[in-house]
PDB file of N, CA and C in Angstrom:
ATOM      1  N   MET A   1      13.985  23.947   5.129  1.00  0.00           N
ATOM      2  CA  MET A   1      13.823  22.655   4.521  1.00  0.00           C
ATOM      3  C   MET A   1      12.371  22.477   4.031  1.00  0.00           C
ATOM      4  N   ASN A   2      12.242  21.936   2.853  1.00  0.00           N
ATOM      5  CA  ASN A   2      10.919  21.688   2.304  1.00  0.00           C
ATOM      6  C   ASN A   2      10.275  20.506   2.990  1.00  0.00           C
ATOM      7  N   PRO A   3       9.097  20.667   3.582  1.00  0.00           N
ATOM      8  CA  PRO A   3       8.446  19.563   4.287  1.00  0.00           C
ATOM      9  C   PRO A   3       8.145  18.363   3.388  1.00  0.00           C
ATOM     10  N   ASP A   4       7.982  18.605   2.101  1.00  0.00           N
ATOM     11  CA  ASP A   4       7.710  17.508   1.181  1.00  0.00           C
ATOM     12  C   ASP A   4       8.871  16.506   1.125  1.00  0.00           C
ATOM     13  N   ILE A   5      10.079  16.965   1.368  1.00  0.00           N
ATOM     14  CA  ILE A   5      11.233  16.050   1.365  1.00  0.00           C
ATOM     15  C   ILE A   5      11.037  14.971   2.453  1.00  0.00           C
ATOM     16  N   ILE A   6      10.620  15.412   3.623  1.00  0.00           N
ATOM     17  CA  ILE A   6      10.350  14.475   4.712  1.00  0.00           C
ATOM     18  C   ILE A   6       9.260  13.496   4.314  1.00  0.00           C
ATOM     19  N   GLY A   7       8.227  14.016   3.694  1.00  0.00           N
ATOM     20  CA  GLY A   7       7.109  13.194   3.254  1.00  0.00           C
ATOM     21  C   GLY A   7       7.536  12.152   2.215  1.00  0.00           C
ATOM     22  N   TRP A   8       8.345  12.570   1.222  1.00  0.00           N
ATOM     23  CA  TRP A   8       8.799  11.649   0.198  1.00  0.00           C
ATOM     24  C   TRP A   8       9.724  10.573   0.746  1.00  0.00           C
ATOM     25  N   VAL A   9      10.598  10.940   1.715  1.00  0.00           N
ATOM     26  CA  VAL A   9      11.482   9.953   2.351  1.00  0.00           C
ATOM     27  C   VAL A   9      10.642   8.958   3.150  1.00  0.00           C
ATOM     28  N   ALA A  10       9.695   9.444   3.922  1.00  0.00           N
ATOM     29  CA  ALA A  10       8.827   8.570   4.713  1.00  0.00           C
ATOM     30  C   ALA A  10       8.048   7.641   3.785  1.00  0.00           C
ATOM     31  N   SER A  11       7.562   8.165   2.688  1.00  0.00           N
ATOM     32  CA  SER A  11       6.829   7.371   1.705  1.00  0.00           C
ATOM     33  C   SER A  11       7.707   6.259   1.148  1.00  0.00           C
ATOM     34  N   ALA A  12       8.942   6.576   0.780  1.00  0.00           N
ATOM     35  CA  ALA A  12       9.853   5.594   0.238  1.00  0.00           C
ATOM     36  C   ALA A  12      10.121   4.470   1.246  1.00  0.00           C
ATOM     37  N   ILE A  13      10.308   4.826   2.508  1.00  0.00           N
ATOM     38  CA  ILE A  13      10.542   3.836   3.558  1.00  0.00           C
ATOM     39  C   ILE A  13       9.333   2.920   3.688  1.00  0.00           C
ATOM     40  N   LEU A  14       8.155   3.490   3.768  1.00  0.00           N
ATOM     41  CA  LEU A  14       6.929   2.711   3.903  1.00  0.00           C
ATOM     42  C   LEU A  14       6.738   1.767   2.718  1.00  0.00           C
ATOM     43  N   LEU A  15       6.899   2.263   1.538  1.00  0.00           N
ATOM     44  CA  LEU A  15       6.707   1.462   0.347  1.00  0.00           C
ATOM     45  C   LEU A  15       7.753   0.349   0.228  1.00  0.00           C
ATOM     46  N   ALA A  16       8.974   0.635   0.617  1.00  0.00           N
ATOM     47  CA  ALA A  16      10.026  -0.370   0.617  1.00  0.00           C
ATOM     48  C   ALA A  16       9.668  -1.510   1.574  1.00  0.00           C
ATOM     49  N   THR A  17       9.112  -1.186   2.737  1.00  0.00           N
ATOM     50  CA  THR A  17       8.749  -2.245   3.682  1.00  0.00           C
ATOM     51  C   THR A  17       7.577  -3.066   3.158  1.00  0.00           C
ATOM     52  N   LEU A  18       6.636  -2.421   2.487  1.00  0.00           N
ATOM     53  CA  LEU A  18       5.493  -3.147   1.930  1.00  0.00           C
ATOM     54  C   LEU A  18       5.922  -4.084   0.805  1.00  0.00           C
ATOM     55  N   VAL A  19       6.800  -3.606  -0.070  1.00  0.00           N
ATOM     56  CA  VAL A  19       7.300  -4.453  -1.156  1.00  0.00           C
ATOM     57  C   VAL A  19       8.068  -5.636  -0.579  1.00  0.00           C
ATOM     58  N   ARG A  20       8.881  -5.399   0.443  1.00  0.00           N
ATOM     59  CA  ARG A  20       9.605  -6.485   1.093  1.00  0.00           C
ATOM     60  C   ARG A  20       8.656  -7.510   1.677  1.00  0.00           C
ATOM     61  N   GLN A  21       7.575  -7.049   2.259  1.00  0.00           N
ATOM     62  CA  GLN A  21       6.596  -7.960   2.853  1.00  0.00           C
ATOM     63  C   GLN A  21       5.927  -8.822   1.774  1.00  0.00           C
ATOM     64  N   ILE A  22       5.622  -8.227   0.652  1.00  0.00           N
ATOM     65  CA  ILE A  22       5.017  -9.008  -0.445  1.00  0.00           C
ATOM     66  C   ILE A  22       6.004 -10.070  -0.950  1.00  0.00           C
ATOM     67  N   ARG A  23       7.264  -9.667  -1.117  1.00  0.00           N
ATOM     68  CA  ARG A  23       8.301 -10.634  -1.558  1.00  0.00           C
ATOM     69  C   ARG A  23       8.425 -11.790  -0.579  1.00  0.00           C
ATOM     70  N   LYS A  24       8.412 -11.476   0.737  1.00  0.00           N
ATOM     71  CA  LYS A  24       8.510 -12.525   1.758  1.00  0.00           C
ATOM     72  C   LYS A  24       7.291 -13.427   1.702  1.00  0.00           C
ATOM     73  N   GLN A  25       6.118 -12.833   1.542  1.00  0.00           N
ATOM     74  CA  GLN A  25       4.868 -13.605   1.476  1.00  0.00           C
ATOM     75  C   GLN A  25       4.915 -14.571   0.299  1.00  0.00           C
ATOM     76  N   VAL A  26       5.365 -14.118  -0.853  1.00  0.00           N
ATOM     77  CA  VAL A  26       5.458 -14.978  -2.041  1.00  0.00           C
ATOM     78  C   VAL A  26       6.504 -16.085  -1.810  1.00  0.00           C
ATOM     79  N   ALA A  27       7.659 -15.716  -1.276  1.00  0.00           N
ATOM     80  CA  ALA A  27       8.732 -16.707  -1.057  1.00  0.00           C
ATOM     81  C   ALA A  27       8.324 -17.761  -0.042  1.00  0.00           C
ATOM     82  N   ASP A  28       7.566 -17.368   0.985  1.00  0.00           N
ATOM     83  CA  ASP A  28       7.160 -18.303   2.021  1.00  0.00           C
ATOM     84  C   ASP A  28       5.920 -19.119   1.638  1.00  0.00           C
ATOM     85  N   GLY A  29       5.284 -18.732   0.534  1.00  0.00           N
ATOM     86  CA  GLY A  29       4.057 -19.419   0.156  1.00  0.00           C
ATOM     87  C   GLY A  29       2.943 -19.194   1.135  1.00  0.00           C
ATOM     88  N   GLY A  30       3.015 -18.098   1.852  1.00  0.00           N
ATOM     89  CA  GLY A  30       2.014 -17.793   2.910  1.00  0.00           C
ATOM     90  C   GLY A  30       0.657 -17.530   2.332  1.00  0.00           C
ATOM     91  N   ALA A  31      -0.314 -17.627   3.195  1.00  0.00           N
ATOM     92  CA  ALA A  31      -1.709 -17.431   2.798  1.00  0.00           C
ATOM     93  C   ALA A  31      -2.052 -15.969   2.639  1.00  0.00           C
ATOM     94  N   GLY A  32      -1.204 -15.076   3.074  1.00  0.00           N
ATOM     95  CA  GLY A  32      -1.499 -13.631   2.915  1.00  0.00           C
ATOM     96  C   GLY A  32      -2.381 -13.127   4.023  1.00  0.00           C
ATOM     97  N   VAL A  33      -2.848 -11.922   3.847  1.00  0.00           N
ATOM     98  CA  VAL A  33      -3.704 -11.276   4.853  1.00  0.00           C
ATOM     99  C   VAL A  33      -5.153 -11.726   4.637  1.00  0.00           C
ATOM    100  N   SER A  34      -5.948 -11.502   5.676  1.00  0.00           N
ATOM    101  CA  SER A  34      -7.357 -11.882   5.560  1.00  0.00           C
ATOM    102  C   SER A  34      -8.030 -11.038   4.504  1.00  0.00           C
ATOM    103  N   ARG A  35      -9.076 -11.594   3.932  1.00  0.00           N
ATOM    104  CA  ARG A  35      -9.840 -10.873   2.902  1.00  0.00           C
ATOM    105  C   ARG A  35     -10.432  -9.587   3.457  1.00  0.00           C
ATOM    106  N   TRP A  36     -10.874  -9.611   4.723  1.00  0.00           N
ATOM    107  CA  TRP A  36     -11.482  -8.427   5.316  1.00  0.00           C
ATOM    108  C   TRP A  36     -10.456  -7.309   5.546  1.00  0.00           C
ATOM    109  N   LEU A  37      -9.246  -7.720   5.931  1.00  0.00           N
ATOM    110  CA  LEU A  37      -8.175  -6.695   6.072  1.00  0.00           C
ATOM    111  C   LEU A  37      -7.886  -6.062   4.710  1.00  0.00           C
ATOM    112  N   PHE A  38      -7.824  -6.896   3.679  1.00  0.00           N
ATOM    113  CA  PHE A  38      -7.606  -6.400   2.311  1.00  0.00           C
ATOM    114  C   PHE A  38      -8.694  -5.427   1.912  1.00  0.00           C
ATOM    115  N   ILE A  39      -9.966  -5.790   2.144  1.00  0.00           N
ATOM    116  CA  ILE A  39     -11.092  -4.932   1.762  1.00  0.00           C
ATOM    117  C   ILE A  39     -11.034  -3.609   2.530  1.00  0.00           C
ATOM    118  N   GLY A  40     -10.802  -3.695   3.834  1.00  0.00           N
ATOM    119  CA  GLY A  40     -10.745  -2.486   4.652  1.00  0.00           C
ATOM    120  C   GLY A  40      -9.584  -1.589   4.262  1.00  0.00           C
ATOM    121  N   GLN A  41      -8.422  -2.177   4.024  1.00  0.00           N
ATOM    122  CA  GLN A  41      -7.260  -1.382   3.640  1.00  0.00           C
ATOM    123  C   GLN A  41      -7.508  -0.727   2.283  1.00  0.00           C
ATOM    124  N   SER A  42      -8.078  -1.465   1.358  1.00  0.00           N
ATOM    125  CA  SER A  42      -8.346  -0.943   0.041  1.00  0.00           C
ATOM    126  C   SER A  42      -9.320   0.241   0.086  1.00  0.00           C
ATOM    127  N   LEU A  43     -10.403   0.065   0.839  1.00  0.00           N
ATOM    128  CA  LEU A  43     -11.391   1.180   0.943  1.00  0.00           C
ATOM    129  C   LEU A  43     -10.772   2.387   1.622  1.00  0.00           C
ATOM    130  N   ALA A  44      -9.972   2.155   2.667  1.00  0.00           N
ATOM    131  CA  ALA A  44      -9.314   3.267   3.338  1.00  0.00           C
ATOM    132  C   ALA A  44      -8.331   3.978   2.382  1.00  0.00           C
ATOM    133  N   SER A  45      -7.586   3.210   1.606  1.00  0.00           N
ATOM    134  CA  SER A  45      -6.636   3.797   0.648  1.00  0.00           C
ATOM    135  C   SER A  45      -7.381   4.630  -0.389  1.00  0.00           C
ATOM    136  N   ILE A  46      -8.503   4.132  -0.893  1.00  0.00           N
ATOM    137  CA  ILE A  46      -9.312   4.901  -1.865  1.00  0.00           C
ATOM    138  C   ILE A  46      -9.774   6.202  -1.236  1.00  0.00           C
ATOM    139  N   GLY A  47     -10.233   6.133   0.016  1.00  0.00           N
ATOM    140  CA  GLY A  47     -10.674   7.375   0.705  1.00  0.00           C
ATOM    141  C   GLY A  47      -9.522   8.334   0.898  1.00  0.00           C
ATOM    142  N   PHE A  48      -8.335   7.827   1.283  1.00  0.00           N
ATOM    143  CA  PHE A  48      -7.185   8.706   1.450  1.00  0.00           C
ATOM    144  C   PHE A  48      -6.689   9.284   0.120  1.00  0.00           C
ATOM    145  N   ILE A  49      -6.816   8.519  -0.960  1.00  0.00           N
ATOM    146  CA  ILE A  49      -6.454   9.064  -2.277  1.00  0.00           C
ATOM    147  C   ILE A  49      -7.390  10.216  -2.626  1.00  0.00           C
ATOM    148  N   ALA A  50      -8.694   9.988  -2.467  1.00  0.00           N
ATOM    149  CA  ALA A  50      -9.657  11.070  -2.766  1.00  0.00           C
ATOM    150  C   ALA A  50      -9.404  12.314  -1.915  1.00  0.00           C
ATOM    151  N   TYR A  51      -9.171  12.111  -0.642  1.00  0.00           N
ATOM    152  CA  TYR A  51      -8.861  13.209   0.279  1.00  0.00           C
ATOM    153  C   TYR A  51      -7.595  13.958  -0.152  1.00  0.00           C
ATOM    154  N   SER A  52      -6.579  13.201  -0.495  1.00  0.00           N
ATOM    155  CA  SER A  52      -5.303  13.795  -0.906  1.00  0.00           C
ATOM    156  C   SER A  52      -5.441  14.573  -2.194  1.00  0.00           C
ATOM    157  N   VAL A  53      -6.247  14.063  -3.141  1.00  0.00           N
ATOM    158  CA  VAL A  53      -6.481  14.792  -4.381  1.00  0.00           C
ATOM    159  C   VAL A  53      -7.181  16.096  -4.075  1.00  0.00           C
ATOM    160  N   MET A  54      -8.172  16.092  -3.195  1.00  0.00           N
ATOM    161  CA  MET A  54      -8.883  17.335  -2.811  1.00  0.00           C
ATOM    162  C   MET A  54      -7.931  18.365  -2.202  1.00  0.00           C
ATOM    163  N   LEU A  55      -6.934  17.862  -1.454  1.00  0.00           N
ATOM    164  CA  LEU A  55      -5.953  18.760  -0.848  1.00  0.00           C
ATOM    165  C   LEU A  55      -4.837  19.149  -1.821  1.00  0.00           C
ATOM    166  N   GLY A  56      -4.716  18.388  -2.910  1.00  0.00           N
ATOM    167  CA  GLY A  56      -3.627  18.624  -3.878  1.00  0.00           C
ATOM    168  C   GLY A  56      -2.257  18.235  -3.329  1.00  0.00           C
ATOM    169  N   ASN A  57      -2.226  17.231  -2.439  1.00  0.00           N
ATOM    170  CA  ASN A  57      -0.986  16.819  -1.811  1.00  0.00           C
ATOM    171  C   ASN A  57      -0.409  15.625  -2.531  1.00  0.00           C
ATOM    172  N   TRP A  58       0.597  15.865  -3.377  1.00  0.00           N
ATOM    173  CA  TRP A  58       1.168  14.832  -4.218  1.00  0.00           C
ATOM    174  C   TRP A  58       1.884  13.738  -3.440  1.00  0.00           C
ATOM    175  N   VAL A  59       2.472  14.075  -2.312  1.00  0.00           N
ATOM    176  CA  VAL A  59       3.129  13.028  -1.489  1.00  0.00           C
ATOM    177  C   VAL A  59       2.086  11.964  -1.117  1.00  0.00           C
ATOM    178  N   PHE A  60       0.955  12.386  -0.631  1.00  0.00           N
ATOM    179  CA  PHE A  60      -0.047  11.431  -0.185  1.00  0.00           C
ATOM    180  C   PHE A  60      -0.839  10.811  -1.344  1.00  0.00           C
ATOM    181  N   ILE A  61      -0.993  11.529  -2.436  1.00  0.00           N
ATOM    182  CA  ILE A  61      -1.621  10.954  -3.622  1.00  0.00           C
ATOM    183  C   ILE A  61      -0.817   9.763  -4.084  1.00  0.00           C
ATOM    184  N   VAL A  62       0.482   9.971  -4.276  1.00  0.00           N
ATOM    185  CA  VAL A  62       1.363   8.908  -4.772  1.00  0.00           C
ATOM    186  C   VAL A  62       1.495   7.773  -3.749  1.00  0.00           C
ATOM    187  N   THR A  63       1.711   8.140  -2.484  1.00  0.00           N
ATOM    188  CA  THR A  63       1.915   7.130  -1.445  1.00  0.00           C
ATOM    189  C   THR A  63       0.687   6.245  -1.295  1.00  0.00           C
ATOM    190  N   ASN A  64      -0.475   6.837  -1.200  1.00  0.00           N
ATOM    191  CA  ASN A  64      -1.694   6.049  -0.987  1.00  0.00           C
ATOM    192  C   ASN A  64      -2.055   5.246  -2.233  1.00  0.00           C
ATOM    193  N   THR A  65      -1.756   5.732  -3.416  1.00  0.00           N
ATOM    194  CA  THR A  65      -1.960   4.966  -4.634  1.00  0.00           C
ATOM    195  C   THR A  65      -1.053   3.756  -4.628  1.00  0.00           C
ATOM    196  N   CYS A  66       0.213   3.940  -4.255  1.00  0.00           N
ATOM    197  CA  CYS A  66       1.163   2.825  -4.207  1.00  0.00           C
ATOM    198  C   CYS A  66       0.774   1.809  -3.126  1.00  0.00           C
ATOM    199  N   ILE A  67       0.269   2.289  -2.015  1.00  0.00           N
ATOM    200  CA  ILE A  67      -0.195   1.376  -0.960  1.00  0.00           C
ATOM    201  C   ILE A  67      -1.362   0.523  -1.483  1.00  0.00           C
ATOM    202  N   LEU A  68      -2.264   1.140  -2.197  1.00  0.00           N
ATOM    203  CA  LEU A  68      -3.388   0.390  -2.774  1.00  0.00           C
ATOM    204  C   LEU A  68      -2.875  -0.641  -3.764  1.00  0.00           C
ATOM    205  N   ILE A  69      -1.916  -0.268  -4.573  1.00  0.00           N
ATOM    206  CA  ILE A  69      -1.349  -1.221  -5.548  1.00  0.00           C
ATOM    207  C   ILE A  69      -0.665  -2.380  -4.838  1.00  0.00           C
ATOM    208  N   THR A  70       0.066  -2.110  -3.760  1.00  0.00           N
ATOM    209  CA  THR A  70       0.725  -3.197  -3.039  1.00  0.00           C
ATOM    210  C   THR A  70      -0.292  -4.121  -2.385  1.00  0.00           C
ATOM    211  N   ALA A  71      -1.393  -3.555  -1.905  1.00  0.00           N
ATOM    212  CA  ALA A  71      -2.448  -4.396  -1.306  1.00  0.00           C
ATOM    213  C   ALA A  71      -3.053  -5.322  -2.360  1.00  0.00           C
ATOM    214  N   ILE A  72      -3.318  -4.765  -3.531  1.00  0.00           N
ATOM    215  CA  ILE A  72      -3.883  -5.562  -4.618  1.00  0.00           C
ATOM    216  C   ILE A  72      -2.875  -6.635  -5.056  1.00  0.00           C
ATOM    217  N   ALA A  73      -1.619  -6.264  -5.186  1.00  0.00           N
ATOM    218  CA  ALA A  73      -0.588  -7.218  -5.593  1.00  0.00           C
ATOM    219  C   ALA A  73      -0.456  -8.346  -4.573  1.00  0.00           C
ATOM    220  N   GLY A  74      -0.455  -7.990  -3.295  1.00  0.00           N
ATOM    221  CA  GLY A  74      -0.358  -9.006  -2.231  1.00  0.00           C
ATOM    222  C   GLY A  74      -1.539  -9.945  -2.257  1.00  0.00           C
ATOM    223  N   GLN A  75      -2.724  -9.417  -2.523  1.00  0.00           N
ATOM    224  CA  GLN A  75      -3.914 -10.259  -2.588  1.00  0.00           C
ATOM    225  C   GLN A  75      -3.868 -11.175  -3.815  1.00  0.00           C
ATOM    226  N   CYS A  76      -3.427 -10.651  -4.944  1.00  0.00           N
ATOM    227  CA  CYS A  76      -3.373 -11.445  -6.169  1.00  0.00           C
ATOM    228  C   CYS A  76      -2.290 -12.532  -6.092  1.00  0.00           C
ATOM    229  N   LEU A  77      -1.229 -12.310  -5.329  1.00  0.00           N
ATOM    230  CA  LEU A  77      -0.145 -13.279  -5.246  1.00  0.00           C
ATOM    231  C   LEU A  77      -0.345 -14.326  -4.169  1.00  0.00           C
ATOM    232  N   ARG A  78      -1.370 -14.205  -3.395  1.00  0.00           N
ATOM    233  CA  ARG A  78      -1.601 -15.187  -2.333  1.00  0.00           C
ATOM    234  C   ARG A  78      -2.127 -16.496  -2.966  1.00  0.00           C
ATOM    235  N   PRO A  79      -1.746 -17.595  -2.359  1.00  0.00           N
ATOM    236  CA  PRO A  79      -2.208 -18.888  -2.892  1.00  0.00           C
ATOM    237  C   PRO A  79      -3.714 -18.993  -2.894  1.00  0.00           C
ATOM    238  N   LYS A  80      -4.262 -19.588  -3.903  1.00  0.00           N
ATOM    239  CA  LYS A  80      -5.710 -19.775  -3.976  1.00  0.00           C
ATOM    240  C   LYS A  80      -6.069 -21.063  -3.219  1.00  0.00           C
ATOM    241  N   SER A  81      -7.137 -20.991  -2.453  1.00  0.00           N
ATOM    242  CA  SER A  81      -7.547 -22.182  -1.716  1.00  0.00           C
ATOM    243  C   SER A  81      -8.534 -22.997  -2.522  1.00  0.00           C
ATOM    244  N   GLY A  82      -8.434 -24.293  -2.368  1.00  0.00           N
ATOM    245  CA  GLY A  82      -9.343 -25.259  -2.975  1.00  0.00           C
ATOM    246  C   GLY A  82      -9.458 -25.084  -4.409  1.00  0.00           C
TER     247      GLY A  82
END
């Protein structure tokens, strides 16, 4: 069995849960995650993308890029205060 198959399935599961969370956040009108969590997650995702590119691992390149996109989308969709 190709190990990448396991990686792609795990990636799809993770991304599906993140998309679901964003949809719930928008539907509930929730305030979203803290700004510091967003900043930390974004920086970590950028680091993991760079690391994955250096390794040439497409599963992690795509997954971490999508995670960064979901973090940005979640932050952009959160209600603005004041």
